[in-house]
C-alpha atoms as a PDB file:
ATOM      1  CA  MET A   1      -0.042   0.170  -0.099  1.00  0.00           C
ATOM      2  CA  VAL A   2       1.182   3.438  -0.887  1.00  0.00           C
ATOM      3  CA  GLY A   3       1.475   6.037   2.046  1.00  0.00           C
ATOM      4  CA  MET A   4      -0.060   9.392   1.593  1.00  0.00           C
ATOM      5  CA  VAL A   5       2.072  12.419   2.286  1.00  0.00           C
ATOM      6  CA  LYS A   6       0.289  14.496   4.816  1.00  0.00           C
ATOM      7  CA  VAL A   7       1.026  18.343   4.051  1.00  0.00           C
ATOM      8  CA  ARG A   8       0.369  20.619   7.037  1.00  0.00           C
ATOM      9  CA  PRO A   9       2.041  23.578   8.456  1.00  0.00           C
ATOM     10  CA  SER A  10       5.423  22.922   9.836  1.00  0.00           C
ATOM     11  CA  THR A  11       6.145  23.342  13.641  1.00  0.00           C
ATOM     12  CA  ASN A  12       9.661  22.079  12.932  1.00  0.00           C
ATOM     13  CA  VAL A  13      12.070  25.079  13.703  1.00  0.00           C
ATOM     14  CA  ASP A  14      14.471  24.087  10.994  1.00  0.00           C
ATOM     15  CA  ASP A  15      11.601  24.340   8.355  1.00  0.00           C
ATOM     16  CA  ARG A  16      10.776  27.919   9.786  1.00  0.00           C
ATOM     17  CA  GLU A  17      14.305  28.747   9.538  1.00  0.00           C
ATOM     18  CA  HIS A  18      14.593  27.659   6.115  1.00  0.00           C
ATOM     19  CA  GLY A  19      11.445  29.781   5.485  1.00  0.00           C
ATOM     20  CA  ARG A  20      12.875  32.634   7.053  1.00  0.00           C
ATOM     21  CA  TRP A  21      16.372  32.194   5.033  1.00  0.00           C
ATOM     22  CA  LEU A  22      14.275  32.188   1.727  1.00  0.00           C
ATOM     23  CA  TYR A  23      12.344  35.194   2.680  1.00  0.00           C
ATOM     24  CA  GLY A  24      15.344  37.193   3.479  1.00  0.00           C
ATOM     25  CA  PHE A  25      17.074  36.094   0.434  1.00  0.00           C
ATOM     26  CA  LEU A  26      14.366  37.150  -1.841  1.00  0.00           C
ATOM     27  CA  MET A  27      13.338  40.201  -0.124  1.00  0.00           C
ATOM     28  CA  ARG A  28      16.816  41.615   0.054  1.00  0.00           C
ATOM     29  CA  GLY A  29      16.875  41.988  -3.580  1.00  0.00           C
ATOM     30  CA  ILE A  30      13.183  43.671  -3.710  1.00  0.00           C
ATOM     31  CA  GLU A  31      13.144  46.000  -0.434  1.00  0.00           C
ATOM     32  CA  HIS A  32      15.794  45.392   1.898  1.00  0.00           C
ATOM     33  CA  GLU A  33      14.122  47.182   4.796  1.00  0.00           C
ATOM     34  CA  LEU A  34      11.512  44.529   4.797  1.00  0.00           C
ATOM     35  CA  THR A  35      14.065  42.062   5.985  1.00  0.00           C
ATOM     36  CA  GLU A  36      14.675  44.249   9.386  1.00  0.00           C
ATOM     37  CA  ASP A  37      13.027  44.168  12.566  1.00  0.00           C
ATOM     38  CA  PRO A  38       9.547  45.892  12.333  1.00  0.00           C
ATOM     39  CA  LYS A  39      10.494  47.562  15.795  1.00  0.00           C
ATOM     40  CA  GLU A  40      13.677  49.076  14.298  1.00  0.00           C
ATOM     41  CA  LEU A  41      11.602  50.254  11.235  1.00  0.00           C
ATOM     42  CA  PHE A  42       8.738  51.824  13.437  1.00  0.00           C
ATOM     43  CA  ALA A  43      11.531  53.759  15.506  1.00  0.00           C
ATOM     44  CA  ARG A  44      13.347  54.827  12.307  1.00  0.00           C
ATOM     45  CA  TYR A  45      10.241  56.375  10.826  1.00  0.00           C
ATOM     46  CA  ALA A  46       8.583  57.487  14.115  1.00  0.00           C
ATOM     47  CA  SER A  47       8.400  61.086  12.871  1.00  0.00           C
ATOM     48  CA  GLU A  48       7.532  60.582   9.453  1.00  0.00           C
ATOM     49  CA  SER A  49       4.486  62.396   7.903  1.00  0.00           C
ATOM     50  CA  PRO A  50       1.392  60.773   7.131  1.00  0.00           C
ATOM     51  CA  ILE A  51       2.145  61.252   3.440  1.00  0.00           C
ATOM     52  CA  ASP A  52       5.544  59.779   3.907  1.00  0.00           C
ATOM     53  CA  ASN A  53       4.260  56.868   5.785  1.00  0.00           C
ATOM     54  CA  ALA A  54       1.576  56.179   3.108  1.00  0.00           C
ATOM     55  CA  ALA A  55       4.389  56.392   0.225  1.00  0.00           C
ATOM     56  CA  ARG A  56       6.479  53.879   2.256  1.00  0.00           C
ATOM     57  CA  MET A  57       3.324  51.504   3.110  1.00  0.00           C
ATOM     58  CA  GLU A  58       2.567  51.500  -0.630  1.00  0.00           C
ATOM     59  CA  ARG A  59       6.328  50.615  -1.545  1.00  0.00           C
ATOM     60  CA  TYR A  60       6.058  47.804   0.977  1.00  0.00           C
ATOM     61  CA  GLU A  61       2.908  46.514  -0.307  1.00  0.00           C
ATOM     62  CA  LYS A  62       4.465  46.614  -4.131  1.00  0.00           C
ATOM     63  CA  ALA A  63       7.563  44.740  -2.628  1.00  0.00           C
ATOM     64  CA  PHE A  64       5.342  42.143  -0.992  1.00  0.00           C
ATOM     65  CA  ALA A  65       3.461  41.661  -4.318  1.00  0.00           C
ATOM     66  CA  GLU A  66       6.842  41.180  -6.058  1.00  0.00           C
ATOM     67  CA  PHE A  67       7.830  38.658  -3.537  1.00  0.00           C
ATOM     68  CA  ASP A  68       4.804  36.707  -4.056  1.00  0.00           C
ATOM     69  CA  ARG A  69       5.384  36.944  -7.982  1.00  0.00           C
ATOM     70  CA  VAL A  70       9.196  35.812  -7.494  1.00  0.00           C
ATOM     71  CA  LEU A  71       8.061  33.012  -4.989  1.00  0.00           C
ATOM     72  CA  GLY A  72       5.478  31.607  -7.572  1.00  0.00           C
ATOM     73  CA  SER A  73       7.878  31.544 -10.172  1.00  0.00           C
ATOM     74  CA  ILE A  74      10.353  29.537  -8.376  1.00  0.00           C
ATOM     75  CA  ALA A  75       7.691  27.072  -6.921  1.00  0.00           C
ATOM     76  CA  GLN A  76       6.373  26.600 -10.454  1.00  0.00           C
ATOM     77  CA  ALA A  77       9.889  26.200 -11.696  1.00  0.00           C
ATOM     78  CA  MET A  78      10.410  23.452  -8.823  1.00  0.00           C
ATOM     79  CA  THR A  79       7.051  21.679  -9.474  1.00  0.00           C
ATOM     80  CA  LYS A  80       7.725  21.436 -13.124  1.00  0.00           C
ATOM     81  CA  THR A  81      11.298  19.842 -12.408  1.00  0.00           C
ATOM     82  CA  ALA A  82       9.894  17.658  -9.890  1.00  0.00           C
ATOM     83  CA  GLN A  83       7.046  16.570 -12.278  1.00  0.00           C
ATOM     84  CA  ALA A  84       9.670  15.843 -14.653  1.00  0.00           C
ATOM     85  CA  GLU A  85      11.833  13.656 -12.339  1.00  0.00           C
ATOM     86  CA  LYS A  86       8.916  11.750 -11.550  1.00  0.00           C
ATOM     87  CA  ASN A  87       7.678  10.920 -15.030  1.00  0.00           C
ATOM     88  CA  GLU A  88      11.231  10.101 -15.817  1.00  0.00           C
ATOM     89  CA  ARG A  89      11.369   7.452 -13.047  1.00  0.00           C
ATOM     90  CA  ARG A  90       8.209   6.063 -13.770  1.00  0.00           C
ATOM     91  CA  SER A  91       8.994   5.572 -17.389  1.00  0.00           C
ATOM     92  CA  LYS A  92      12.417   3.830 -16.274  1.00  0.00           C
ATOM     93  CA  LEU A  93      10.366   1.639 -13.615  1.00  0.00           C
ATOM     94  CA  ARG A  94       8.000   0.620 -16.591  1.00  0.00           C
ATOM     95  CA  MET A  95      10.688  -0.161 -18.867  1.00  0.00           C
ATOM     96  CA  GLU A  96      12.649  -2.117 -16.415  1.00  0.00           C
ATOM     97  CA  GLU A  97       9.539  -4.152 -15.352  1.00  0.00           C
ATOM     98  CA  ALA A  98       8.503  -4.779 -19.057  1.00  0.00           C
ATOM     99  CA  THR A  99      11.837  -6.044 -19.843  1.00  0.00           C
ATOM    100  CA  GLU A 100      11.854  -8.284 -16.374  1.00  0.00           C
ATOM    101  CA  HIS A 101       8.388  -9.651 -17.521  1.00  0.00           C
ATOM    102  CA  ALA A 102       9.740 -10.331 -21.342  1.00  0.00           C
ATOM    103  CA  ALA A 103      12.778 -12.180 -19.857  1.00  0.00           C
ATOM    104  CA  GLU A 104      10.301 -14.251 -17.514  1.00  0.00           C
ATOM    105  CA  ALA A 105       7.998 -14.872 -20.401  1.00  0.00           C
ATOM    106  CA  SER A 106      10.929 -15.951 -22.613  1.00  0.00           C
ATOM    107  CA  GLY A 107      12.101 -18.477 -20.107  1.00  0.00           C
ATOM    108  CA  ALA A 108       8.462 -19.642 -19.602  1.00  0.00           C
ATOM    109  CA  ASP A 109       8.264 -20.340 -23.414  1.00  0.00           C
ATOM    110  CA  LYS A 110      11.769 -21.982 -23.426  1.00  0.00           C
ATOM    111  CA  GLN A 111      10.766 -24.271 -20.792  1.00  0.00           C
ATOM    112  CA  LEU A 112       7.334 -25.186 -22.624  1.00  0.00           C
ATOM    113  CA  ASP A 113       9.256 -25.755 -25.844  1.00  0.00           C
ATOM    114  CA  SER A 114      11.767 -28.105 -23.841  1.00  0.00           C
ATOM    115  CA  PHE A 115       8.811 -30.066 -22.345  1.00  0.00           C
ATOM    116  CA  ASP A 116       7.285 -30.374 -25.886  1.00  0.00           C
ATOM    117  CA  ASP A 117      10.546 -31.725 -27.076  1.00  0.00           C
ATOM    118  CA  HIS A 118      10.843 -34.428 -24.371  1.00  0.00           C
ATOM    119  CA  ALA A 119       6.821 -35.415 -24.728  1.00  0.00           C
END
């Protein structure tokens, strides 16, 4: 019986660290400020005007949207390569199994032929 993979939110610290690493890696190239501690950002911009705050928040929203686009592209590429790997392995497995069955069938035919020869 084939086991089903259960996908659920990870509580594994390593998984969260990998997610943090990927977020930081991608976001550094998009909007570096969004990799900083929010408390530091609040302190840095505590005296900014409402207009400047709105502009910064809009910039952040655009950065988050770009992050989603980039992450989606990565996920799509990884899915495509994983599917290609699966299909290649499935094909090889089927070819090996067909070859094995052909050899078994040939051996059975030879045994039947030799049985007929002795009868």
